[in-house]
């Protein structure tokens, strides 16, 4: 079985997330292909360390992520994969996908079931590595992480946010793609993009600058009805546990959209967080 890792990147070096994502893919894939969306952090040493094939973007264009993924898919298919595995650059695969053998076992089962897409639950760790958020639909998302190479994989890209991230499996729109959900907690997609308050704020201002409004934006910084549950160490790959420290108390609510709406930018928010003097 030939497996190719698929990732789009913009920074996530200084917070340590990109290293986790690349290692997660490197443990189970034959090659990682990446599109770099004009990162201004030091991404290239990590790309070299993990042997990535990289398409460098010349100008950051966050809203064109599907156009970038379409270009990236063309490169990935040159390696003639049986399966592609996609994660974001602030995520890591759970313990079930810690080893190549375990991953091939899941994908072989999907093959036997005639599946083209394997969905994983997205676990949104919230201002902590040990607590995940369940209110405001934060625990409702499933990602199409593993894609079967049907020989017809393609995108129909549009320059908009929050579109379907996995490709179309057939050119014939009447031919259905079969998906399966891997619902064991050890197989969840561990999303660290909200695991630090700074990253929560960064996402809020990034999406706001891209034109997002309303509930979809405000919920990122609305903790008035915050509900958190503890994550289990058995969900994490063993190599990841070494770097995240011991379990900690749940973070207390503090963010509100009314306050954040009054802040002009992420840079202004950071300035407000720095104690005077």
C-alpha atoms as a PDB file:
ATOM      1  CA  UNK A   1       0.000   0.000   0.000  1.00  0.00           C
ATOM      2  CA  UNK A   2       1.347   3.413  -0.961  1.00  0.00           C
ATOM      3  CA  UNK A   3       0.251   6.338   1.244  1.00  0.00           C
ATOM      4  CA  UNK A   4       0.968  10.001   0.559  1.00  0.00           C
ATOM      5  CA  UNK A   5       0.638  12.756   3.160  1.00  0.00           C
ATOM      6  CA  UNK A   6      -1.137  15.947   2.075  1.00  0.00           C
ATOM      7  CA  UNK A   7      -0.861  19.239   3.949  1.00  0.00           C
ATOM      8  CA  UNK A   8      -1.287  22.964   3.412  1.00  0.00           C
ATOM      9  CA  UNK A   9       0.825  25.168   5.657  1.00  0.00           C
ATOM     10  CA  UNK A  10       1.021  28.746   6.833  1.00  0.00           C
ATOM     11  CA  UNK A  11       3.503  29.091   9.693  1.00  0.00           C
ATOM     12  CA  UNK A  12       2.720  27.069  12.884  1.00  0.00           C
ATOM     13  CA  UNK A  13       6.448  26.690  13.503  1.00  0.00           C
ATOM     14  CA  UNK A  14       6.916  28.908  16.550  1.00  0.00           C
ATOM     15  CA  UNK A  15       3.986  27.309  18.376  1.00  0.00           C
ATOM     16  CA  UNK A  16       5.335  23.816  17.605  1.00  0.00           C
ATOM     17  CA  UNK A  17       2.237  22.615  15.767  1.00  0.00           C
ATOM     18  CA  UNK A  18       3.794  22.102  12.341  1.00  0.00           C
ATOM     19  CA  UNK A  19       6.459  19.769  13.717  1.00  0.00           C
ATOM     20  CA  UNK A  20       3.704  17.652  15.283  1.00  0.00           C
ATOM     21  CA  UNK A  21       1.699  17.559  12.067  1.00  0.00           C
ATOM     22  CA  UNK A  22       4.658  16.602   9.901  1.00  0.00           C
ATOM     23  CA  UNK A  23       5.813  13.925  12.335  1.00  0.00           C
ATOM     24  CA  UNK A  24       2.290  12.523  12.509  1.00  0.00           C
ATOM     25  CA  UNK A  25       2.256  12.162   8.719  1.00  0.00           C
ATOM     26  CA  UNK A  26       5.880  11.008   8.466  1.00  0.00           C
ATOM     27  CA  UNK A  27       5.223   8.048  10.772  1.00  0.00           C
ATOM     28  CA  UNK A  28       2.699   6.530   8.365  1.00  0.00           C
ATOM     29  CA  UNK A  29       3.285   7.863   4.840  1.00  0.00           C
ATOM     30  CA  UNK A  30       5.765   7.245   2.035  1.00  0.00           C
ATOM     31  CA  UNK A  31       6.009  10.931   1.118  1.00  0.00           C
ATOM     32  CA  UNK A  32       4.618  14.246   2.340  1.00  0.00           C
ATOM     33  CA  UNK A  33       3.584  16.891  -0.164  1.00  0.00           C
ATOM     34  CA  UNK A  34       2.945  20.413   1.123  1.00  0.00           C
ATOM     35  CA  UNK A  35       1.687  23.714  -0.169  1.00  0.00           C
ATOM     36  CA  UNK A  36       3.267  26.591   1.739  1.00  0.00           C
ATOM     37  CA  UNK A  37       1.002  29.636   1.806  1.00  0.00           C
ATOM     38  CA  UNK A  38       3.800  32.233   1.946  1.00  0.00           C
ATOM     39  CA  UNK A  39       4.840  31.459   5.526  1.00  0.00           C
ATOM     40  CA  UNK A  40       6.948  34.101   7.246  1.00  0.00           C
ATOM     41  CA  UNK A  41       8.181  31.772   9.978  1.00  0.00           C
ATOM     42  CA  UNK A  42      11.129  29.410   9.517  1.00  0.00           C
ATOM     43  CA  UNK A  43       9.301  26.520   7.851  1.00  0.00           C
ATOM     44  CA  UNK A  44      12.009  25.271   5.493  1.00  0.00           C
ATOM     45  CA  UNK A  45      14.214  23.501   8.064  1.00  0.00           C
ATOM     46  CA  UNK A  46      11.183  21.402   9.018  1.00  0.00           C
ATOM     47  CA  UNK A  47      10.345  20.660   5.398  1.00  0.00           C
ATOM     48  CA  UNK A  48      13.900  19.437   4.863  1.00  0.00           C
ATOM     49  CA  UNK A  49      13.910  17.408   8.073  1.00  0.00           C
ATOM     50  CA  UNK A  50      10.801  15.518   7.046  1.00  0.00           C
ATOM     51  CA  UNK A  51      11.711  15.250   3.360  1.00  0.00           C
ATOM     52  CA  UNK A  52       8.673  17.152   2.145  1.00  0.00           C
ATOM     53  CA  UNK A  53       7.999  18.033  -1.471  1.00  0.00           C
ATOM     54  CA  UNK A  54       6.866  21.663  -1.260  1.00  0.00           C
ATOM     55  CA  UNK A  55       4.951  23.977  -3.559  1.00  0.00           C
ATOM     56  CA  UNK A  56       5.877  27.491  -2.359  1.00  0.00           C
ATOM     57  CA  UNK A  57       3.175  30.138  -2.553  1.00  0.00           C
ATOM     58  CA  UNK A  58       4.489  33.578  -3.493  1.00  0.00           C
ATOM     59  CA  UNK A  59       1.714  35.590  -1.868  1.00  0.00           C
ATOM     60  CA  UNK A  60      -0.471  34.590   1.039  1.00  0.00           C
ATOM     61  CA  UNK A  61      -4.027  33.907  -0.065  1.00  0.00           C
ATOM     62  CA  UNK A  62      -5.891  32.260   2.802  1.00  0.00           C
ATOM     63  CA  UNK A  63      -9.250  32.361   1.009  1.00  0.00           C
ATOM     64  CA  UNK A  64      -7.827  30.432  -1.970  1.00  0.00           C
ATOM     65  CA  UNK A  65      -7.120  27.258   0.006  1.00  0.00           C
ATOM     66  CA  UNK A  66      -9.028  25.023  -2.439  1.00  0.00           C
ATOM     67  CA  UNK A  67      -7.119  26.441  -5.383  1.00  0.00           C
ATOM     68  CA  UNK A  68      -3.909  25.571  -3.563  1.00  0.00           C
ATOM     69  CA  UNK A  69      -5.168  22.107  -2.671  1.00  0.00           C
ATOM     70  CA  UNK A  70      -6.081  21.495  -6.307  1.00  0.00           C
ATOM     71  CA  UNK A  71      -2.505  22.296  -7.329  1.00  0.00           C
ATOM     72  CA  UNK A  72      -1.182  20.176  -4.490  1.00  0.00           C
ATOM     73  CA  UNK A  73      -3.369  17.226  -5.463  1.00  0.00           C
ATOM     74  CA  UNK A  74      -1.847  17.166  -8.946  1.00  0.00           C
ATOM     75  CA  UNK A  75       1.604  16.786  -7.387  1.00  0.00           C
ATOM     76  CA  UNK A  76       0.465  14.176  -4.882  1.00  0.00           C
ATOM     77  CA  UNK A  77      -1.069  11.975  -7.565  1.00  0.00           C
ATOM     78  CA  UNK A  78       2.278  11.798  -9.376  1.00  0.00           C
ATOM     79  CA  UNK A  79       3.386   9.402  -6.621  1.00  0.00           C
ATOM     80  CA  UNK A  80       0.586   7.018  -7.631  1.00  0.00           C
ATOM     81  CA  UNK A  81      -0.810   6.583  -4.113  1.00  0.00           C
ATOM     82  CA  UNK A  82      -3.371   4.036  -3.057  1.00  0.00           C
ATOM     83  CA  UNK A  83      -4.495   6.451  -0.348  1.00  0.00           C
ATOM     84  CA  UNK A  84      -3.841  10.085   0.568  1.00  0.00           C
ATOM     85  CA  UNK A  85      -4.009  11.354   4.127  1.00  0.00           C
ATOM     86  CA  UNK A  86      -4.764  15.012   4.762  1.00  0.00           C
ATOM     87  CA  UNK A  87      -4.446  16.940   8.011  1.00  0.00           C
ATOM     88  CA  UNK A  88      -4.132  20.621   8.837  1.00  0.00           C
ATOM     89  CA  UNK A  89      -0.803  22.016   9.996  1.00  0.00           C
ATOM     90  CA  UNK A  90      -2.157  22.446  13.531  1.00  0.00           C
ATOM     91  CA  UNK A  91      -3.415  18.878  13.943  1.00  0.00           C
ATOM     92  CA  UNK A  92      -2.102  15.379  14.602  1.00  0.00           C
ATOM     93  CA  UNK A  93      -3.574  11.925  14.151  1.00  0.00           C
ATOM     94  CA  UNK A  94      -4.627   9.953  17.219  1.00  0.00           C
ATOM     95  CA  UNK A  95      -2.992   6.831  18.604  1.00  0.00           C
ATOM     96  CA  UNK A  96      -4.692   4.398  16.211  1.00  0.00           C
ATOM     97  CA  UNK A  97      -2.749   6.097  13.408  1.00  0.00           C
ATOM     98  CA  UNK A  98       0.534   6.187  15.323  1.00  0.00           C
ATOM     99  CA  UNK A  99       2.041   3.322  13.313  1.00  0.00           C
ATOM    100  CA  UNK A 100       2.121   2.364   9.666  1.00  0.00           C
ATOM    101  CA  UNK A 101       0.726  -1.083  10.493  1.00  0.00           C
ATOM    102  CA  UNK A 102      -2.235   0.361  12.372  1.00  0.00           C
ATOM    103  CA  UNK A 103      -2.956   2.822   9.586  1.00  0.00           C
ATOM    104  CA  UNK A 104      -2.790   0.182   6.865  1.00  0.00           C
ATOM    105  CA  UNK A 105      -5.150  -1.984   8.887  1.00  0.00           C
ATOM    106  CA  UNK A 106      -7.774   0.783   8.956  1.00  0.00           C
ATOM    107  CA  UNK A 107      -7.358   1.621   5.272  1.00  0.00           C
ATOM    108  CA  UNK A 108      -7.490  -2.055   4.272  1.00  0.00           C
ATOM    109  CA  UNK A 109     -10.753  -2.381   6.177  1.00  0.00           C
ATOM    110  CA  UNK A 110     -12.081   0.658   4.325  1.00  0.00           C
ATOM    111  CA  UNK A 111     -11.043  -0.999   1.052  1.00  0.00           C
ATOM    112  CA  UNK A 112     -12.958  -4.136   1.972  1.00  0.00           C
ATOM    113  CA  UNK A 113     -16.036  -2.038   2.692  1.00  0.00           C
ATOM    114  CA  UNK A 114     -15.728  -0.310  -0.684  1.00  0.00           C
ATOM    115  CA  UNK A 115     -15.134   3.085   0.962  1.00  0.00           C
ATOM    116  CA  UNK A 116     -13.482   6.028  -0.742  1.00  0.00           C
ATOM    117  CA  UNK A 117     -13.339   8.365   2.255  1.00  0.00           C
ATOM    118  CA  UNK A 118     -12.496   7.769   5.922  1.00  0.00           C
ATOM    119  CA  UNK A 119     -13.914  10.361   8.297  1.00  0.00           C
ATOM    120  CA  UNK A 120     -12.341  11.142  11.683  1.00  0.00           C
ATOM    121  CA  UNK A 121     -13.865  13.088  14.532  1.00  0.00           C
ATOM    122  CA  UNK A 122     -12.226  16.487  15.023  1.00  0.00           C
ATOM    123  CA  UNK A 123     -11.311  16.937  18.695  1.00  0.00           C
ATOM    124  CA  UNK A 124     -11.011  20.665  19.416  1.00  0.00           C
ATOM    125  CA  UNK A 125      -8.604  21.021  22.323  1.00  0.00           C
ATOM    126  CA  UNK A 126      -9.424  24.313  24.013  1.00  0.00           C
ATOM    127  CA  UNK A 127      -6.822  26.607  25.594  1.00  0.00           C
ATOM    128  CA  UNK A 128      -5.173  23.461  26.894  1.00  0.00           C
ATOM    129  CA  UNK A 129      -3.707  20.173  25.663  1.00  0.00           C
ATOM    130  CA  UNK A 130      -5.971  18.206  27.980  1.00  0.00           C
ATOM    131  CA  UNK A 131      -9.469  19.668  27.653  1.00  0.00           C
ATOM    132  CA  UNK A 132     -11.741  19.795  24.622  1.00  0.00           C
ATOM    133  CA  UNK A 133     -14.716  22.017  23.909  1.00  0.00           C
ATOM    134  CA  UNK A 134     -18.241  20.664  23.414  1.00  0.00           C
ATOM    135  CA  UNK A 135     -20.547  23.733  23.347  1.00  0.00           C
ATOM    136  CA  UNK A 136     -21.369  25.878  20.284  1.00  0.00           C
ATOM    137  CA  UNK A 137     -21.018  22.808  18.004  1.00  0.00           C
ATOM    138  CA  UNK A 138     -17.264  22.606  18.613  1.00  0.00           C
ATOM    139  CA  UNK A 139     -17.531  18.853  19.060  1.00  0.00           C
ATOM    140  CA  UNK A 140     -19.724  18.140  16.046  1.00  0.00           C
ATOM    141  CA  UNK A 141     -17.212  18.243  13.189  1.00  0.00           C
ATOM    142  CA  UNK A 142     -15.889  15.222  11.276  1.00  0.00           C
ATOM    143  CA  UNK A 143     -13.081  15.580   8.734  1.00  0.00           C
ATOM    144  CA  UNK A 144     -12.566  13.495   5.589  1.00  0.00           C
ATOM    145  CA  UNK A 145      -8.953  12.591   6.365  1.00  0.00           C
ATOM    146  CA  UNK A 146      -8.130   9.547   4.205  1.00  0.00           C
ATOM    147  CA  UNK A 147      -8.906   9.595   0.471  1.00  0.00           C
ATOM    148  CA  UNK A 148      -8.899   6.552  -1.782  1.00  0.00           C
ATOM    149  CA  UNK A 149      -7.202   7.167  -5.118  1.00  0.00           C
ATOM    150  CA  UNK A 150     -10.006   6.366  -7.540  1.00  0.00           C
ATOM    151  CA  UNK A 151      -8.042   7.595 -10.538  1.00  0.00           C
ATOM    152  CA  UNK A 152     -10.475  10.509 -10.817  1.00  0.00           C
ATOM    153  CA  UNK A 153      -9.686  12.649  -7.764  1.00  0.00           C
ATOM    154  CA  UNK A 154     -10.162  16.334  -8.493  1.00  0.00           C
ATOM    155  CA  UNK A 155     -11.281  19.624  -7.001  1.00  0.00           C
ATOM    156  CA  UNK A 156     -13.773  22.184  -8.229  1.00  0.00           C
ATOM    157  CA  UNK A 157     -12.044  25.046  -6.462  1.00  0.00           C
ATOM    158  CA  UNK A 158     -13.642  28.315  -5.464  1.00  0.00           C
ATOM    159  CA  UNK A 159     -11.968  31.187  -3.613  1.00  0.00           C
ATOM    160  CA  UNK A 160     -14.171  31.034  -0.505  1.00  0.00           C
ATOM    161  CA  UNK A 161     -13.659  30.015   3.107  1.00  0.00           C
ATOM    162  CA  UNK A 162     -15.049  26.876   4.744  1.00  0.00           C
ATOM    163  CA  UNK A 163     -15.637  24.772   1.650  1.00  0.00           C
ATOM    164  CA  UNK A 164     -15.452  20.970   1.440  1.00  0.00           C
ATOM    165  CA  UNK A 165     -11.768  20.204   1.936  1.00  0.00           C
ATOM    166  CA  UNK A 166     -11.548  16.724   0.430  1.00  0.00           C
ATOM    167  CA  UNK A 167     -11.690  16.296  -3.363  1.00  0.00           C
ATOM    168  CA  UNK A 168     -14.368  14.843  -5.576  1.00  0.00           C
ATOM    169  CA  UNK A 169     -13.834  11.144  -6.195  1.00  0.00           C
ATOM    170  CA  UNK A 170     -15.523  10.778  -9.593  1.00  0.00           C
ATOM    171  CA  UNK A 171     -16.202  12.967 -12.601  1.00  0.00           C
ATOM    172  CA  UNK A 172     -19.657  11.421 -12.925  1.00  0.00           C
ATOM    173  CA  UNK A 173     -21.715  13.436 -10.426  1.00  0.00           C
ATOM    174  CA  UNK A 174     -24.267  10.609 -10.243  1.00  0.00           C
ATOM    175  CA  UNK A 175     -21.712   8.130  -8.964  1.00  0.00           C
ATOM    176  CA  UNK A 176     -21.697   8.216  -5.159  1.00  0.00           C
ATOM    177  CA  UNK A 177     -18.573   8.332  -3.054  1.00  0.00           C
ATOM    178  CA  UNK A 178     -18.830   6.002  -0.078  1.00  0.00           C
ATOM    179  CA  UNK A 179     -17.605   7.297   3.270  1.00  0.00           C
ATOM    180  CA  UNK A 180     -17.085   5.555   6.598  1.00  0.00           C
ATOM    181  CA  UNK A 181     -16.589   7.009  10.051  1.00  0.00           C
ATOM    182  CA  UNK A 182     -13.836   5.659  12.271  1.00  0.00           C
ATOM    183  CA  UNK A 183     -15.503   6.322  15.595  1.00  0.00           C
ATOM    184  CA  UNK A 184     -13.052   4.953  18.147  1.00  0.00           C
ATOM    185  CA  UNK A 185     -11.743   7.752  20.402  1.00  0.00           C
ATOM    186  CA  UNK A 186      -8.134   6.637  19.851  1.00  0.00           C
ATOM    187  CA  UNK A 187      -8.578   7.464  16.175  1.00  0.00           C
ATOM    188  CA  UNK A 188      -9.667  11.069  16.522  1.00  0.00           C
ATOM    189  CA  UNK A 189      -8.006  13.979  14.779  1.00  0.00           C
ATOM    190  CA  UNK A 190      -6.317  16.008  17.516  1.00  0.00           C
ATOM    191  CA  UNK A 191      -6.749  19.686  16.670  1.00  0.00           C
ATOM    192  CA  UNK A 192      -4.386  22.040  18.532  1.00  0.00           C
ATOM    193  CA  UNK A 193      -5.431  25.187  16.730  1.00  0.00           C
ATOM    194  CA  UNK A 194      -7.381  26.408  19.778  1.00  0.00           C
ATOM    195  CA  UNK A 195      -5.077  24.927  22.425  1.00  0.00           C
ATOM    196  CA  UNK A 196      -3.545  28.301  23.317  1.00  0.00           C
ATOM    197  CA  UNK A 197      -5.390  31.572  23.867  1.00  0.00           C
ATOM    198  CA  UNK A 198      -3.083  33.270  21.378  1.00  0.00           C
ATOM    199  CA  UNK A 199      -4.062  30.809  18.657  1.00  0.00           C
ATOM    200  CA  UNK A 200      -7.767  31.324  19.389  1.00  0.00           C
ATOM    201  CA  UNK A 201      -7.280  35.077  18.971  1.00  0.00           C
ATOM    202  CA  UNK A 202      -5.183  34.616  15.826  1.00  0.00           C
ATOM    203  CA  UNK A 203      -7.931  32.554  14.184  1.00  0.00           C
ATOM    204  CA  UNK A 204     -10.598  35.040  15.194  1.00  0.00           C
ATOM    205  CA  UNK A 205      -8.787  37.995  13.632  1.00  0.00           C
ATOM    206  CA  UNK A 206      -7.766  35.999  10.539  1.00  0.00           C
ATOM    207  CA  UNK A 207     -11.341  34.984   9.793  1.00  0.00           C
ATOM    208  CA  UNK A 208     -12.657  38.447  10.624  1.00  0.00           C
ATOM    209  CA  UNK A 209     -10.186  40.026   8.199  1.00  0.00           C
ATOM    210  CA  UNK A 210     -11.307  37.525   5.548  1.00  0.00           C
ATOM    211  CA  UNK A 211     -14.898  38.758   5.855  1.00  0.00           C
ATOM    212  CA  UNK A 212     -16.490  36.250   8.208  1.00  0.00           C
ATOM    213  CA  UNK A 213     -19.221  37.637  10.484  1.00  0.00           C
ATOM    214  CA  UNK A 214     -22.017  36.509  12.789  1.00  0.00           C
ATOM    215  CA  UNK A 215     -22.256  33.401  14.939  1.00  0.00           C
ATOM    216  CA  UNK A 216     -19.607  31.467  13.003  1.00  0.00           C
ATOM    217  CA  UNK A 217     -17.066  34.148  13.907  1.00  0.00           C
ATOM    218  CA  UNK A 218     -18.302  35.125  17.372  1.00  0.00           C
ATOM    219  CA  UNK A 219     -18.358  31.564  18.713  1.00  0.00           C
ATOM    220  CA  UNK A 220     -14.561  31.470  18.449  1.00  0.00           C
ATOM    221  CA  UNK A 221     -14.325  34.006  21.263  1.00  0.00           C
ATOM    222  CA  UNK A 222     -17.583  33.390  23.140  1.00  0.00           C
ATOM    223  CA  UNK A 223     -16.913  31.479  26.360  1.00  0.00           C
ATOM    224  CA  UNK A 224     -19.993  32.591  28.287  1.00  0.00           C
ATOM    225  CA  UNK A 225     -21.453  29.078  28.108  1.00  0.00           C
ATOM    226  CA  UNK A 226     -18.132  27.253  27.887  1.00  0.00           C
ATOM    227  CA  UNK A 227     -18.379  23.469  28.271  1.00  0.00           C
ATOM    228  CA  UNK A 228     -15.188  21.406  28.465  1.00  0.00           C
ATOM    229  CA  UNK A 229     -14.463  17.705  28.876  1.00  0.00           C
ATOM    230  CA  UNK A 230     -11.136  16.055  29.732  1.00  0.00           C
ATOM    231  CA  UNK A 231      -9.213  14.250  27.006  1.00  0.00           C
ATOM    232  CA  UNK A 232      -7.701  10.836  27.715  1.00  0.00           C
ATOM    233  CA  UNK A 233      -3.976  10.242  27.380  1.00  0.00           C
ATOM    234  CA  UNK A 234      -4.863   7.011  25.531  1.00  0.00           C
ATOM    235  CA  UNK A 235      -6.068   9.113  22.602  1.00  0.00           C
ATOM    236  CA  UNK A 236      -2.631  10.621  21.958  1.00  0.00           C
ATOM    237  CA  UNK A 237       0.265   8.964  20.114  1.00  0.00           C
ATOM    238  CA  UNK A 238       3.008   8.093  22.588  1.00  0.00           C
ATOM    239  CA  UNK A 239       5.567  10.397  20.938  1.00  0.00           C
ATOM    240  CA  UNK A 240       3.206  13.346  21.395  1.00  0.00           C
ATOM    241  CA  UNK A 241       2.656  12.705  25.102  1.00  0.00           C
ATOM    242  CA  UNK A 242       6.351  13.297  25.690  1.00  0.00           C
ATOM    243  CA  UNK A 243       6.039  16.964  24.773  1.00  0.00           C
ATOM    244  CA  UNK A 244       2.718  18.223  26.168  1.00  0.00           C
ATOM    245  CA  UNK A 245       3.253  17.934  29.905  1.00  0.00           C
ATOM    246  CA  UNK A 246       1.007  16.633  32.672  1.00  0.00           C
ATOM    247  CA  UNK A 247      -2.800  17.035  32.744  1.00  0.00           C
ATOM    248  CA  UNK A 248      -3.912  20.390  34.107  1.00  0.00           C
ATOM    249  CA  UNK A 249      -7.005  22.087  35.477  1.00  0.00           C
ATOM    250  CA  UNK A 250      -9.649  23.191  32.996  1.00  0.00           C
ATOM    251  CA  UNK A 251      -9.224  26.771  31.729  1.00  0.00           C
ATOM    252  CA  UNK A 252     -11.774  29.254  33.071  1.00  0.00           C
ATOM    253  CA  UNK A 253     -14.078  31.244  30.742  1.00  0.00           C
ATOM    254  CA  UNK A 254     -12.781  34.695  29.870  1.00  0.00           C
ATOM    255  CA  UNK A 255     -13.352  35.517  26.172  1.00  0.00           C
ATOM    256  CA  UNK A 256     -16.395  37.424  24.888  1.00  0.00           C
ATOM    257  CA  UNK A 257     -17.197  38.618  21.348  1.00  0.00           C
ATOM    258  CA  UNK A 258     -18.202  42.071  22.613  1.00  0.00           C
ATOM    259  CA  UNK A 259     -14.727  42.747  23.961  1.00  0.00           C
ATOM    260  CA  UNK A 260     -12.906  41.219  20.984  1.00  0.00           C
ATOM    261  CA  UNK A 261     -15.005  43.232  18.519  1.00  0.00           C
ATOM    262  CA  UNK A 262     -13.495  46.398  19.957  1.00  0.00           C
ATOM    263  CA  UNK A 263      -9.920  45.291  19.227  1.00  0.00           C
ATOM    264  CA  UNK A 264      -8.608  46.352  15.836  1.00  0.00           C
ATOM    265  CA  UNK A 265      -6.246  43.481  15.003  1.00  0.00           C
ATOM    266  CA  UNK A 266      -4.303  40.495  16.286  1.00  0.00           C
ATOM    267  CA  UNK A 267      -1.268  42.725  16.784  1.00  0.00           C
ATOM    268  CA  UNK A 268      -3.352  45.148  18.848  1.00  0.00           C
ATOM    269  CA  UNK A 269      -4.683  42.240  20.899  1.00  0.00           C
ATOM    270  CA  UNK A 270      -1.145  41.058  21.619  1.00  0.00           C
ATOM    271  CA  UNK A 271      -0.193  44.557  22.744  1.00  0.00           C
ATOM    272  CA  UNK A 272      -3.117  44.567  25.163  1.00  0.00           C
ATOM    273  CA  UNK A 273      -1.943  41.266  26.626  1.00  0.00           C
ATOM    274  CA  UNK A 274       1.528  42.605  27.418  1.00  0.00           C
ATOM    275  CA  UNK A 275       1.642  44.062  30.953  1.00  0.00           C
ATOM    276  CA  UNK A 276       2.518  47.781  31.016  1.00  0.00           C
ATOM    277  CA  UNK A 277       6.013  48.672  32.212  1.00  0.00           C
END
